[in-house]
Amino acid sequence: MKREGAQKMDLEKVIKERKAVRHYKENVTIPKSEIEELLRLSSQSPSGHNLQSWRVAVITNNELREKIKPFAHDQEQVVTASALLVFFADTHSAERLDDIYKQDVAEGFLPAEMLEAKIADSHAYHATLTAQQLTENAIIDTCLFVMHFMLLAKAKGYDTVPMRGFSADAIDALVETPANYKPLLLMAIGKAEKEGYGTSRLAIDEFAEFIQ
């Protein structure tokens, strides 16, 4: 029980200490293997029908980041942080469900005899959704992934800041991705030069209602 309590406090500490950091130590390199591990762990995030609609571009190329900066309100962290991540929502992620469910079978998560029915049911469901609903689902899935990524990064000693102020058209032009990848967020990641500032939070009774 003591160990479980310690783990809980560690998580609470990470959540409370995660702040939006905008000033980063320059020339700090995060090994590719560490970013891959953050992405791998973040991919444990839940997603509708396990479609895993998130897509990520990890940009360390300084020249490309300089090109992106003017289209992100000239925020310095775009170029000073160790890396810039672009998170996309794949609005056509349902097209991959056959492969995903076959992988579930291969890895022992789904009985082989259930595969055909699972695929048929999922295709039938997604056929009832509008393009807007498919997009909204992909956005929700991607946002869950992003939150996991930020908390995991903080737990491993890195700081982040999510940025919604950018030109999606410019990102589409500068970062070559399929047309069905909708850019949602930019995120800087690195080591803080200055700590992020704290902000207030609403009281529970201002955003939650208990219905009994």
N, C-alpha and C. Protein backbone atom coordinates (compact mmCIF):
# COMPACT_ATOMS: atom_id res chain seq x y z
N MET A 1 0.83 -1.21 0.00
CA MET A 1 0.00 0.00 0.00
C MET A 1 0.86 1.25 0.00
N LYS A 2 1.95 1.22 0.71
CA LYS A 2 2.82 2.39 0.76
C LYS A 2 3.37 2.72 -0.62
N ARG A 3 3.75 1.67 -1.37
CA ARG A 3 4.29 1.88 -2.70
C ARG A 3 3.24 2.49 -3.62
N GLU A 4 1.97 2.02 -3.52
CA GLU A 4 0.91 2.57 -4.34
C GLU A 4 0.70 4.04 -4.02
N GLY A 5 0.78 4.40 -2.75
CA GLY A 5 0.62 5.79 -2.36
C GLY A 5 1.72 6.65 -2.92
N ALA A 6 2.94 6.15 -2.92
CA ALA A 6 4.07 6.90 -3.46
C ALA A 6 3.89 7.14 -4.94
N GLN A 7 3.40 6.13 -5.67
CA GLN A 7 3.18 6.29 -7.10
C GLN A 7 2.11 7.33 -7.36
N LYS A 8 1.06 7.33 -6.53
CA LYS A 8 0.00 8.31 -6.69
C LYS A 8 0.53 9.71 -6.48
N MET A 9 1.35 9.92 -5.45
CA MET A 9 1.91 11.23 -5.20
C MET A 9 2.83 11.66 -6.33
N ASP A 10 3.57 10.73 -6.91
CA ASP A 10 4.42 11.08 -8.03
C ASP A 10 3.59 11.63 -9.18
N LEU A 11 2.48 10.99 -9.47
CA LEU A 11 1.61 11.44 -10.55
C LEU A 11 1.01 12.80 -10.23
N GLU A 12 0.57 12.97 -8.99
CA GLU A 12 0.01 14.27 -8.60
C GLU A 12 1.06 15.37 -8.73
N LYS A 13 2.29 15.06 -8.38
CA LYS A 13 3.37 16.04 -8.47
C LYS A 13 3.61 16.44 -9.92
N VAL A 14 3.61 15.46 -10.80
CA VAL A 14 3.81 15.75 -12.23
C VAL A 14 2.68 16.63 -12.75
N ILE A 15 1.45 16.29 -12.40
CA ILE A 15 0.31 17.07 -12.87
C ILE A 15 0.39 18.51 -12.38
N LYS A 16 0.73 18.68 -11.10
CA LYS A 16 0.78 20.03 -10.53
C LYS A 16 1.95 20.85 -11.05
N GLU A 17 3.07 20.19 -11.34
CA GLU A 17 4.26 20.92 -11.76
C GLU A 17 4.34 21.15 -13.26
N ARG A 18 3.49 20.47 -14.03
CA ARG A 18 3.50 20.73 -15.47
C ARG A 18 2.96 22.14 -15.72
N LYS A 19 3.76 22.94 -16.38
CA LYS A 19 3.37 24.30 -16.74
C LYS A 19 3.74 24.55 -18.20
N ALA A 20 3.13 25.55 -18.78
CA ALA A 20 3.47 25.95 -20.14
C ALA A 20 4.77 26.75 -20.10
N VAL A 21 5.84 26.16 -20.59
CA VAL A 21 7.16 26.80 -20.55
C VAL A 21 7.47 27.40 -21.92
N ARG A 22 7.85 28.67 -21.93
CA ARG A 22 8.11 29.37 -23.18
C ARG A 22 9.57 29.78 -23.36
N HIS A 23 10.37 29.58 -22.33
CA HIS A 23 11.79 29.93 -22.42
C HIS A 23 12.62 28.67 -22.19
N TYR A 24 13.40 28.31 -23.20
CA TYR A 24 14.13 27.04 -23.17
C TYR A 24 15.64 27.25 -23.27
N LYS A 25 16.36 26.33 -22.65
CA LYS A 25 17.81 26.30 -22.80
C LYS A 25 18.12 25.88 -24.24
N GLU A 26 18.90 26.71 -24.91
CA GLU A 26 19.22 26.41 -26.30
C GLU A 26 20.34 25.38 -26.39
N ASN A 27 20.40 24.73 -27.54
CA ASN A 27 21.44 23.73 -27.83
C ASN A 27 21.36 22.51 -26.92
N VAL A 28 20.15 22.24 -26.40
CA VAL A 28 19.92 21.01 -25.64
C VAL A 28 19.29 19.99 -26.58
N THR A 29 19.94 18.85 -26.72
CA THR A 29 19.45 17.81 -27.62
C THR A 29 18.76 16.70 -26.83
N ILE A 30 17.57 16.37 -27.25
CA ILE A 30 16.87 15.22 -26.67
C ILE A 30 17.13 14.04 -27.61
N PRO A 31 17.69 12.96 -27.10
CA PRO A 31 17.95 11.81 -27.97
C PRO A 31 16.67 11.32 -28.66
N LYS A 32 16.82 10.93 -29.91
CA LYS A 32 15.66 10.43 -30.66
C LYS A 32 15.00 9.28 -29.93
N SER A 33 15.80 8.44 -29.28
CA SER A 33 15.25 7.28 -28.57
C SER A 33 14.31 7.71 -27.43
N GLU A 34 14.61 8.85 -26.79
CA GLU A 34 13.75 9.32 -25.69
C GLU A 34 12.43 9.86 -26.22
N ILE A 35 12.49 10.56 -27.34
CA ILE A 35 11.24 11.06 -27.93
C ILE A 35 10.41 9.88 -28.42
N GLU A 36 11.07 8.88 -28.99
CA GLU A 36 10.34 7.69 -29.43
C GLU A 36 9.66 7.00 -28.25
N GLU A 37 10.35 6.96 -27.11
CA GLU A 37 9.76 6.33 -25.93
C GLU A 37 8.55 7.13 -25.44
N LEU A 38 8.63 8.44 -25.48
CA LEU A 38 7.48 9.27 -25.10
C LEU A 38 6.30 9.01 -26.03
N LEU A 39 6.58 8.92 -27.31
CA LEU A 39 5.52 8.66 -28.28
C LEU A 39 4.93 7.26 -28.08
N ARG A 40 5.81 6.30 -27.81
CA ARG A 40 5.36 4.92 -27.62
C ARG A 40 4.43 4.82 -26.39
N LEU A 41 4.83 5.44 -25.29
CA LEU A 41 4.01 5.41 -24.09
C LEU A 41 2.71 6.19 -24.28
N SER A 42 2.79 7.31 -24.96
CA SER A 42 1.60 8.13 -25.21
C SER A 42 0.59 7.39 -26.05
N SER A 43 1.06 6.48 -26.89
CA SER A 43 0.16 5.74 -27.76
C SER A 43 -0.71 4.75 -27.00
N GLN A 44 -0.52 4.63 -25.69
CA GLN A 44 -1.42 3.84 -24.86
C GLN A 44 -2.71 4.61 -24.58
N SER A 45 -2.82 5.82 -25.08
CA SER A 45 -4.02 6.63 -24.88
C SER A 45 -5.23 5.93 -25.49
N PRO A 46 -6.41 6.14 -24.89
CA PRO A 46 -7.62 5.54 -25.46
C PRO A 46 -8.02 6.24 -26.75
N SER A 47 -8.70 5.52 -27.61
CA SER A 47 -9.23 6.10 -28.84
C SER A 47 -10.44 5.31 -29.29
N GLY A 48 -11.37 6.00 -29.93
CA GLY A 48 -12.59 5.35 -30.40
C GLY A 48 -12.29 4.23 -31.38
N HIS A 49 -12.80 3.04 -31.08
CA HIS A 49 -12.59 1.85 -31.91
C HIS A 49 -11.10 1.53 -32.09
N ASN A 50 -10.29 2.04 -31.18
CA ASN A 50 -8.84 1.83 -31.22
C ASN A 50 -8.21 2.31 -32.53
N LEU A 51 -8.76 3.36 -33.11
CA LEU A 51 -8.26 3.84 -34.41
C LEU A 51 -6.95 4.61 -34.28
N GLN A 52 -6.64 5.11 -33.07
CA GLN A 52 -5.35 5.78 -32.85
C GLN A 52 -5.12 6.86 -33.91
N SER A 53 -6.01 7.83 -33.92
CA SER A 53 -6.07 8.82 -35.00
C SER A 53 -4.96 9.87 -34.95
N TRP A 54 -4.12 9.86 -33.93
CA TRP A 54 -3.06 10.85 -33.82
C TRP A 54 -1.94 10.57 -34.83
N ARG A 55 -1.37 11.66 -35.34
CA ARG A 55 -0.19 11.59 -36.20
C ARG A 55 0.75 12.71 -35.72
N VAL A 56 2.04 12.49 -35.76
CA VAL A 56 2.99 13.44 -35.17
C VAL A 56 4.18 13.66 -36.10
N ALA A 57 4.54 14.91 -36.28
CA ALA A 57 5.79 15.27 -36.95
C ALA A 57 6.72 15.84 -35.90
N VAL A 58 7.91 15.26 -35.75
CA VAL A 58 8.91 15.72 -34.79
C VAL A 58 9.98 16.47 -35.57
N ILE A 59 10.07 17.77 -35.34
CA ILE A 59 10.94 18.62 -36.16
C ILE A 59 12.10 19.14 -35.32
N THR A 60 13.29 18.73 -35.68
CA THR A 60 14.51 19.26 -35.06
C THR A 60 15.31 20.10 -36.05
N ASN A 61 14.93 20.05 -37.31
CA ASN A 61 15.61 20.82 -38.35
C ASN A 61 15.43 22.32 -38.11
N ASN A 62 16.53 23.01 -37.85
CA ASN A 62 16.46 24.44 -37.49
C ASN A 62 15.94 25.30 -38.63
N GLU A 63 16.33 24.96 -39.85
CA GLU A 63 15.89 25.76 -41.00
C GLU A 63 14.37 25.69 -41.16
N LEU A 64 13.81 24.51 -41.00
CA LEU A 64 12.36 24.36 -41.12
C LEU A 64 11.65 25.07 -39.99
N ARG A 65 12.20 24.99 -38.79
CA ARG A 65 11.56 25.66 -37.65
C ARG A 65 11.59 27.18 -37.83
N GLU A 66 12.65 27.72 -38.41
CA GLU A 66 12.71 29.15 -38.70
C GLU A 66 11.63 29.55 -39.70
N LYS A 67 11.33 28.66 -40.63
CA LYS A 67 10.27 28.94 -41.60
C LYS A 67 8.90 28.89 -40.96
N ILE A 68 8.74 28.01 -39.98
CA ILE A 68 7.45 27.88 -39.30
C ILE A 68 7.20 29.05 -38.35
N LYS A 69 8.25 29.54 -37.73
CA LYS A 69 8.12 30.56 -36.68
C LYS A 69 7.23 31.75 -37.06
N PRO A 70 7.39 32.38 -38.23
CA PRO A 70 6.52 33.53 -38.55
C PRO A 70 5.04 33.17 -38.61
N PHE A 71 4.75 31.91 -38.87
CA PHE A 71 3.35 31.47 -38.95
C PHE A 71 2.84 30.95 -37.61
N ALA A 72 3.65 31.13 -36.57
CA ALA A 72 3.26 30.76 -35.20
C ALA A 72 3.45 31.96 -34.28
N HIS A 73 3.07 33.12 -34.79
CA HIS A 73 3.15 34.38 -34.03
C HIS A 73 4.56 34.68 -33.54
N ASP A 74 5.57 34.22 -34.29
CA ASP A 74 6.98 34.50 -33.96
C ASP A 74 7.34 34.09 -32.54
N GLN A 75 6.74 33.03 -32.05
CA GLN A 75 7.06 32.57 -30.70
C GLN A 75 8.46 31.94 -30.68
N GLU A 76 9.32 32.45 -29.80
CA GLU A 76 10.72 32.04 -29.78
C GLU A 76 10.91 30.56 -29.52
N GLN A 77 10.02 29.97 -28.72
CA GLN A 77 10.20 28.57 -28.37
C GLN A 77 10.12 27.63 -29.58
N VAL A 78 9.56 28.12 -30.66
CA VAL A 78 9.50 27.30 -31.88
C VAL A 78 10.90 26.92 -32.32
N VAL A 79 11.87 27.83 -32.11
CA VAL A 79 13.23 27.57 -32.58
C VAL A 79 14.22 27.32 -31.44
N THR A 80 13.92 27.76 -30.23
CA THR A 80 14.89 27.62 -29.13
C THR A 80 14.76 26.29 -28.38
N ALA A 81 13.59 25.68 -28.42
CA ALA A 81 13.39 24.40 -27.72
C ALA A 81 14.17 23.30 -28.44
N SER A 82 14.28 22.17 -27.79
CA SER A 82 15.03 21.05 -28.37
C SER A 82 14.36 20.50 -29.63
N ALA A 83 13.04 20.52 -29.64
CA ALA A 83 12.31 20.03 -30.80
C ALA A 83 10.95 20.69 -30.85
N LEU A 84 10.39 20.70 -32.04
CA LEU A 84 9.03 21.19 -32.26
C LEU A 84 8.21 20.02 -32.78
N LEU A 85 7.10 19.76 -32.10
CA LEU A 85 6.21 18.69 -32.54
C LEU A 85 4.94 19.29 -33.14
N VAL A 86 4.49 18.69 -34.21
CA VAL A 86 3.21 19.05 -34.79
C VAL A 86 2.28 17.85 -34.64
N PHE A 87 1.16 18.05 -33.98
CA PHE A 87 0.20 16.98 -33.78
C PHE A 87 -0.96 17.14 -34.77
N PHE A 88 -1.22 16.06 -35.49
CA PHE A 88 -2.29 16.05 -36.48
C PHE A 88 -3.36 15.04 -36.07
N ALA A 89 -4.60 15.31 -36.48
CA ALA A 89 -5.68 14.34 -36.35
C ALA A 89 -5.95 13.78 -37.74
N ASP A 90 -5.84 12.46 -37.87
CA ASP A 90 -6.09 11.82 -39.16
C ASP A 90 -7.59 11.60 -39.31
N THR A 91 -8.21 12.40 -40.16
CA THR A 91 -9.67 12.34 -40.32
C THR A 91 -10.12 11.11 -41.11
N HIS A 92 -9.18 10.39 -41.69
CA HIS A 92 -9.49 9.15 -42.42
C HIS A 92 -8.95 7.92 -41.69
N SER A 93 -8.77 8.03 -40.41
CA SER A 93 -8.16 6.92 -39.67
C SER A 93 -8.98 5.64 -39.73
N ALA A 94 -10.28 5.76 -39.96
CA ALA A 94 -11.13 4.56 -40.03
C ALA A 94 -10.74 3.66 -41.21
N GLU A 95 -10.03 4.22 -42.18
CA GLU A 95 -9.60 3.41 -43.31
C GLU A 95 -8.55 2.36 -42.91
N ARG A 96 -7.98 2.51 -41.72
CA ARG A 96 -6.94 1.59 -41.26
C ARG A 96 -7.46 0.55 -40.28
N LEU A 97 -8.76 0.52 -40.06
CA LEU A 97 -9.26 -0.36 -39.00
C LEU A 97 -9.02 -1.84 -39.29
N ASP A 98 -9.03 -2.26 -40.56
CA ASP A 98 -8.76 -3.67 -40.86
C ASP A 98 -7.38 -4.07 -40.36
N ASP A 99 -6.39 -3.24 -40.68
CA ASP A 99 -5.02 -3.55 -40.26
C ASP A 99 -4.88 -3.53 -38.74
N ILE A 100 -5.57 -2.58 -38.09
CA ILE A 100 -5.48 -2.49 -36.64
C ILE A 100 -6.07 -3.72 -35.97
N TYR A 101 -7.23 -4.17 -36.45
CA TYR A 101 -7.86 -5.33 -35.83
C TYR A 101 -7.09 -6.61 -36.13
N LYS A 102 -6.48 -6.68 -37.30
CA LYS A 102 -5.63 -7.84 -37.61
C LYS A 102 -4.41 -7.86 -36.69
N GLN A 103 -3.90 -6.68 -36.36
CA GLN A 103 -2.78 -6.60 -35.41
C GLN A 103 -3.24 -7.03 -34.03
N ASP A 104 -4.49 -6.66 -33.66
CA ASP A 104 -5.04 -7.10 -32.38
C ASP A 104 -5.05 -8.63 -32.29
N VAL A 105 -5.40 -9.27 -33.39
CA VAL A 105 -5.42 -10.73 -33.42
C VAL A 105 -3.99 -11.27 -33.29
N ALA A 106 -3.08 -10.70 -34.06
CA ALA A 106 -1.70 -11.17 -34.06
C ALA A 106 -1.05 -11.04 -32.69
N GLU A 107 -1.44 -10.02 -31.92
CA GLU A 107 -0.84 -9.79 -30.62
C GLU A 107 -1.67 -10.38 -29.47
N GLY A 108 -2.71 -11.11 -29.83
CA GLY A 108 -3.48 -11.84 -28.82
C GLY A 108 -4.54 -11.04 -28.09
N PHE A 109 -4.91 -9.87 -28.61
CA PHE A 109 -5.92 -9.05 -27.95
C PHE A 109 -7.33 -9.34 -28.45
N LEU A 110 -7.44 -10.01 -29.59
CA LEU A 110 -8.74 -10.30 -30.18
C LEU A 110 -8.73 -11.73 -30.71
N PRO A 111 -9.71 -12.56 -30.33
CA PRO A 111 -9.78 -13.92 -30.86
C PRO A 111 -9.94 -13.90 -32.38
N ALA A 112 -9.24 -14.75 -33.07
CA ALA A 112 -9.27 -14.77 -34.54
C ALA A 112 -10.67 -14.97 -35.08
N GLU A 113 -11.47 -15.77 -34.37
CA GLU A 113 -12.82 -16.05 -34.87
C GLU A 113 -13.75 -14.84 -34.78
N MET A 114 -13.32 -13.79 -34.06
CA MET A 114 -14.13 -12.58 -33.94
C MET A 114 -13.72 -11.50 -34.93
N LEU A 115 -12.64 -11.73 -35.66
CA LEU A 115 -12.08 -10.68 -36.50
C LEU A 115 -13.06 -10.17 -37.56
N GLU A 116 -13.64 -11.06 -38.34
CA GLU A 116 -14.51 -10.64 -39.44
C GLU A 116 -15.71 -9.84 -38.94
N ALA A 117 -16.31 -10.30 -37.85
CA ALA A 117 -17.47 -9.60 -37.30
C ALA A 117 -17.07 -8.23 -36.75
N LYS A 118 -15.92 -8.19 -36.11
CA LYS A 118 -15.42 -6.92 -35.56
C LYS A 118 -15.20 -5.90 -36.67
N ILE A 119 -14.56 -6.32 -37.74
CA ILE A 119 -14.31 -5.43 -38.87
C ILE A 119 -15.62 -4.98 -39.50
N ALA A 120 -16.54 -5.91 -39.72
CA ALA A 120 -17.82 -5.58 -40.35
C ALA A 120 -18.61 -4.58 -39.50
N ASP A 121 -18.67 -4.83 -38.20
CA ASP A 121 -19.42 -3.94 -37.30
C ASP A 121 -18.82 -2.54 -37.28
N SER A 122 -17.49 -2.47 -37.25
CA SER A 122 -16.84 -1.16 -37.18
C SER A 122 -17.03 -0.39 -38.49
N HIS A 123 -16.92 -1.08 -39.62
CA HIS A 123 -17.16 -0.42 -40.90
C HIS A 123 -18.60 0.09 -40.99
N ALA A 124 -19.53 -0.73 -40.52
CA ALA A 124 -20.95 -0.34 -40.57
C ALA A 124 -21.20 0.90 -39.71
N TYR A 125 -20.57 0.93 -38.53
CA TYR A 125 -20.74 2.08 -37.66
C TYR A 125 -20.17 3.34 -38.29
N HIS A 126 -18.95 3.27 -38.79
CA HIS A 126 -18.31 4.46 -39.34
C HIS A 126 -19.00 4.95 -40.61
N ALA A 127 -19.69 4.06 -41.30
CA ALA A 127 -20.44 4.47 -42.49
C ALA A 127 -21.61 5.38 -42.14
N THR A 128 -22.05 5.34 -40.88
CA THR A 128 -23.17 6.19 -40.46
C THR A 128 -22.73 7.59 -40.05
N LEU A 129 -21.43 7.82 -39.95
CA LEU A 129 -20.92 9.10 -39.46
C LEU A 129 -20.67 10.06 -40.60
N THR A 130 -20.93 11.34 -40.33
CA THR A 130 -20.62 12.38 -41.30
C THR A 130 -19.13 12.69 -41.26
N ALA A 131 -18.67 13.42 -42.26
CA ALA A 131 -17.26 13.82 -42.29
C ALA A 131 -16.92 14.66 -41.06
N GLN A 132 -17.85 15.50 -40.63
CA GLN A 132 -17.62 16.33 -39.44
C GLN A 132 -17.49 15.47 -38.20
N GLN A 133 -18.33 14.45 -38.07
CA GLN A 133 -18.25 13.57 -36.91
C GLN A 133 -16.95 12.77 -36.89
N LEU A 134 -16.51 12.31 -38.05
CA LEU A 134 -15.24 11.60 -38.14
C LEU A 134 -14.08 12.50 -37.73
N THR A 135 -14.15 13.76 -38.16
CA THR A 135 -13.12 14.73 -37.80
C THR A 135 -13.13 15.00 -36.31
N GLU A 136 -14.30 15.19 -35.74
CA GLU A 136 -14.40 15.45 -34.30
C GLU A 136 -13.86 14.27 -33.49
N ASN A 137 -14.17 13.06 -33.91
CA ASN A 137 -13.66 11.88 -33.20
C ASN A 137 -12.14 11.83 -33.24
N ALA A 138 -11.57 12.14 -34.41
CA ALA A 138 -10.12 12.12 -34.55
C ALA A 138 -9.46 13.20 -33.69
N ILE A 139 -10.11 14.34 -33.58
CA ILE A 139 -9.58 15.43 -32.76
C ILE A 139 -9.57 15.02 -31.28
N ILE A 140 -10.67 14.43 -30.82
CA ILE A 140 -10.75 13.99 -29.41
C ILE A 140 -9.65 12.98 -29.12
N ASP A 141 -9.50 11.99 -29.99
CA ASP A 141 -8.46 10.98 -29.78
C ASP A 141 -7.08 11.62 -29.69
N THR A 142 -6.81 12.57 -30.59
CA THR A 142 -5.49 13.20 -30.64
C THR A 142 -5.24 14.05 -29.40
N CYS A 143 -6.26 14.72 -28.91
CA CYS A 143 -6.10 15.54 -27.69
C CYS A 143 -5.76 14.67 -26.48
N LEU A 144 -6.36 13.49 -26.39
CA LEU A 144 -6.02 12.58 -25.30
C LEU A 144 -4.55 12.17 -25.39
N PHE A 145 -4.10 11.90 -26.60
CA PHE A 145 -2.71 11.52 -26.83
C PHE A 145 -1.77 12.66 -26.41
N VAL A 146 -2.11 13.89 -26.78
CA VAL A 146 -1.27 15.05 -26.47
C VAL A 146 -1.13 15.25 -24.96
N MET A 147 -2.22 15.08 -24.22
CA MET A 147 -2.15 15.27 -22.77
C MET A 147 -1.24 14.23 -22.14
N HIS A 148 -1.34 12.99 -22.60
CA HIS A 148 -0.44 11.96 -22.10
C HIS A 148 1.01 12.33 -22.39
N PHE A 149 1.25 12.82 -23.59
CA PHE A 149 2.62 13.17 -23.99
C PHE A 149 3.20 14.24 -23.07
N MET A 150 2.43 15.27 -22.77
CA MET A 150 2.94 16.35 -21.92
C MET A 150 3.26 15.87 -20.52
N LEU A 151 2.40 15.03 -19.95
CA LEU A 151 2.64 14.54 -18.60
C LEU A 151 3.84 13.60 -18.57
N LEU A 152 3.95 12.74 -19.57
CA LEU A 152 5.10 11.84 -19.63
C LEU A 152 6.40 12.61 -19.81
N ALA A 153 6.37 13.66 -20.64
CA ALA A 153 7.56 14.48 -20.84
C ALA A 153 7.99 15.12 -19.53
N LYS A 154 7.03 15.64 -18.77
CA LYS A 154 7.35 16.27 -17.49
C LYS A 154 7.93 15.24 -16.52
N ALA A 155 7.35 14.04 -16.52
CA ALA A 155 7.84 12.99 -15.63
C ALA A 155 9.27 12.60 -15.95
N LYS A 156 9.68 12.78 -17.20
CA LYS A 156 11.04 12.42 -17.61
C LYS A 156 11.99 13.63 -17.57
N GLY A 157 11.52 14.75 -17.01
CA GLY A 157 12.40 15.90 -16.81
C GLY A 157 12.39 16.92 -17.92
N TYR A 158 11.43 16.84 -18.82
CA TYR A 158 11.33 17.81 -19.91
C TYR A 158 10.12 18.70 -19.72
N ASP A 159 10.18 19.86 -20.34
CA ASP A 159 9.07 20.80 -20.28
C ASP A 159 8.48 20.98 -21.66
N THR A 160 7.23 21.41 -21.69
CA THR A 160 6.53 21.57 -22.96
C THR A 160 5.65 22.80 -22.92
N VAL A 161 5.19 23.20 -24.09
CA VAL A 161 4.14 24.20 -24.20
C VAL A 161 3.33 23.90 -25.46
N PRO A 162 2.03 23.66 -25.30
CA PRO A 162 1.18 23.47 -26.48
C PRO A 162 0.81 24.83 -27.06
N MET A 163 0.77 24.92 -28.39
CA MET A 163 0.50 26.19 -29.06
C MET A 163 -0.60 26.00 -30.10
N ARG A 164 -1.69 26.75 -29.92
CA ARG A 164 -2.79 26.70 -30.88
C ARG A 164 -2.75 27.85 -31.86
N GLY A 165 -1.90 28.85 -31.57
CA GLY A 165 -1.82 30.02 -32.44
C GLY A 165 -0.85 29.82 -33.59
N PHE A 166 -1.35 29.31 -34.70
CA PHE A 166 -0.50 29.10 -35.87
C PHE A 166 -1.38 29.00 -37.11
N SER A 167 -0.77 29.14 -38.25
CA SER A 167 -1.49 29.02 -39.52
C SER A 167 -1.49 27.57 -39.97
N ALA A 168 -2.66 26.97 -39.98
CA ALA A 168 -2.77 25.57 -40.41
C ALA A 168 -2.37 25.43 -41.88
N ASP A 169 -2.73 26.42 -42.70
CA ASP A 169 -2.37 26.36 -44.12
C ASP A 169 -0.86 26.37 -44.30
N ALA A 170 -0.16 27.18 -43.50
CA ALA A 170 1.30 27.25 -43.60
C ALA A 170 1.93 25.93 -43.17
N ILE A 171 1.40 25.34 -42.11
CA ILE A 171 1.92 24.05 -41.65
C ILE A 171 1.72 23.00 -42.73
N ASP A 172 0.55 23.00 -43.36
CA ASP A 172 0.28 22.04 -44.43
C ASP A 172 1.28 22.20 -45.57
N ALA A 173 1.67 23.46 -45.83
CA ALA A 173 2.59 23.71 -46.93
C ALA A 173 4.03 23.37 -46.57
N LEU A 174 4.41 23.58 -45.30
CA LEU A 174 5.80 23.39 -44.89
C LEU A 174 6.10 21.97 -44.43
N VAL A 175 5.10 21.31 -43.88
CA VAL A 175 5.28 19.93 -43.40
C VAL A 175 4.46 19.03 -44.32
N GLU A 176 5.12 18.26 -45.11
CA GLU A 176 4.43 17.44 -46.11
C GLU A 176 3.72 16.27 -45.45
N THR A 177 2.39 16.34 -45.46
CA THR A 177 1.56 15.28 -44.90
C THR A 177 0.35 15.10 -45.80
N PRO A 178 -0.35 13.97 -45.70
CA PRO A 178 -1.57 13.77 -46.49
C PRO A 178 -2.62 14.82 -46.18
N ALA A 179 -3.51 15.05 -47.13
CA ALA A 179 -4.54 16.07 -46.98
C ALA A 179 -5.49 15.78 -45.82
N ASN A 180 -5.61 14.50 -45.44
CA ASN A 180 -6.53 14.15 -44.36
C ASN A 180 -5.91 14.30 -42.97
N TYR A 181 -4.69 14.82 -42.89
CA TYR A 181 -4.07 15.11 -41.60
C TYR A 181 -4.41 16.55 -41.22
N LYS A 182 -5.20 16.73 -40.18
CA LYS A 182 -5.61 18.06 -39.75
C LYS A 182 -4.68 18.53 -38.64
N PRO A 183 -3.89 19.61 -38.86
CA PRO A 183 -2.99 20.09 -37.81
C PRO A 183 -3.76 20.69 -36.64
N LEU A 184 -3.48 20.20 -35.42
CA LEU A 184 -4.20 20.65 -34.24
C LEU A 184 -3.36 21.53 -33.33
N LEU A 185 -2.13 21.10 -33.07
CA LEU A 185 -1.29 21.77 -32.10
C LEU A 185 0.16 21.74 -32.53
N LEU A 186 0.87 22.81 -32.18
CA LEU A 186 2.32 22.78 -32.17
C LEU A 186 2.74 22.59 -30.72
N MET A 187 3.87 21.96 -30.49
CA MET A 187 4.37 21.82 -29.13
C MET A 187 5.88 21.89 -29.10
N ALA A 188 6.39 22.79 -28.28
CA ALA A 188 7.83 22.85 -28.03
C ALA A 188 8.15 21.92 -26.87
N ILE A 189 9.31 21.28 -26.94
CA ILE A 189 9.76 20.41 -25.85
C ILE A 189 11.25 20.62 -25.63
N GLY A 190 11.66 20.66 -24.37
CA GLY A 190 13.06 20.85 -24.05
C GLY A 190 13.27 21.03 -22.56
N LYS A 191 14.37 21.69 -22.21
CA LYS A 191 14.69 21.99 -20.82
C LYS A 191 14.42 23.46 -20.55
N ALA A 192 13.69 23.73 -19.49
CA ALA A 192 13.29 25.10 -19.20
C ALA A 192 14.47 25.99 -18.83
N GLU A 193 14.52 27.17 -19.44
CA GLU A 193 15.44 28.23 -19.03
C GLU A 193 14.80 29.03 -17.90
N LYS A 194 13.49 29.25 -18.03
CA LYS A 194 12.69 29.90 -16.99
C LYS A 194 11.46 29.03 -16.75
N GLU A 195 11.05 28.95 -15.50
CA GLU A 195 9.88 28.14 -15.17
C GLU A 195 8.62 28.78 -15.76
N GLY A 196 7.67 27.94 -16.09
CA GLY A 196 6.39 28.45 -16.54
C GLY A 196 5.64 29.08 -15.38
N TYR A 197 4.80 30.05 -15.68
CA TYR A 197 4.07 30.73 -14.62
C TYR A 197 2.81 29.95 -14.26
N GLY A 198 2.43 30.06 -12.99
CA GLY A 198 1.24 29.38 -12.53
C GLY A 198 -0.02 30.15 -12.90
N THR A 199 -1.13 29.46 -12.90
CA THR A 199 -2.42 30.09 -13.18
C THR A 199 -3.47 29.53 -12.23
N SER A 200 -4.54 30.29 -12.03
CA SER A 200 -5.60 29.87 -11.12
C SER A 200 -6.47 28.82 -11.79
N ARG A 201 -7.25 28.12 -10.98
CA ARG A 201 -8.19 27.14 -11.47
C ARG A 201 -9.56 27.37 -10.83
N LEU A 202 -10.60 27.11 -11.60
CA LEU A 202 -11.95 27.26 -11.08
C LEU A 202 -12.19 26.27 -9.94
N ALA A 203 -13.06 26.65 -9.02
CA ALA A 203 -13.46 25.74 -7.95
C ALA A 203 -14.30 24.61 -8.55
N ILE A 204 -14.27 23.46 -7.91
CA ILE A 204 -14.98 22.29 -8.44
C ILE A 204 -16.45 22.58 -8.69
N ASP A 205 -17.10 23.30 -7.77
CA ASP A 205 -18.53 23.54 -7.94
C ASP A 205 -18.85 24.48 -9.09
N GLU A 206 -17.81 25.08 -9.70
CA GLU A 206 -18.02 25.93 -10.85
C GLU A 206 -17.96 25.17 -12.17
N PHE A 207 -17.45 23.93 -12.13
CA PHE A 207 -17.38 23.19 -13.39
C PHE A 207 -17.90 21.75 -13.29
N ALA A 208 -18.32 21.34 -12.10
CA ALA A 208 -18.81 19.97 -11.94
C ALA A 208 -20.10 19.93 -11.15
N GLU A 209 -20.95 19.00 -11.54
CA GLU A 209 -22.22 18.79 -10.83
C GLU A 209 -22.35 17.31 -10.54
N PHE A 210 -22.63 16.97 -9.30
CA PHE A 210 -22.84 15.59 -8.90
C PHE A 210 -24.33 15.28 -8.92
N ILE A 211 -24.73 14.37 -9.78
CA ILE A 211 -26.13 14.02 -9.92
C ILE A 211 -26.38 12.67 -9.26
N GLN A 212 -27.19 12.68 -8.21
CA GLN A 212 -27.43 11.44 -7.43
C GLN A 212 -28.86 10.99 -7.56
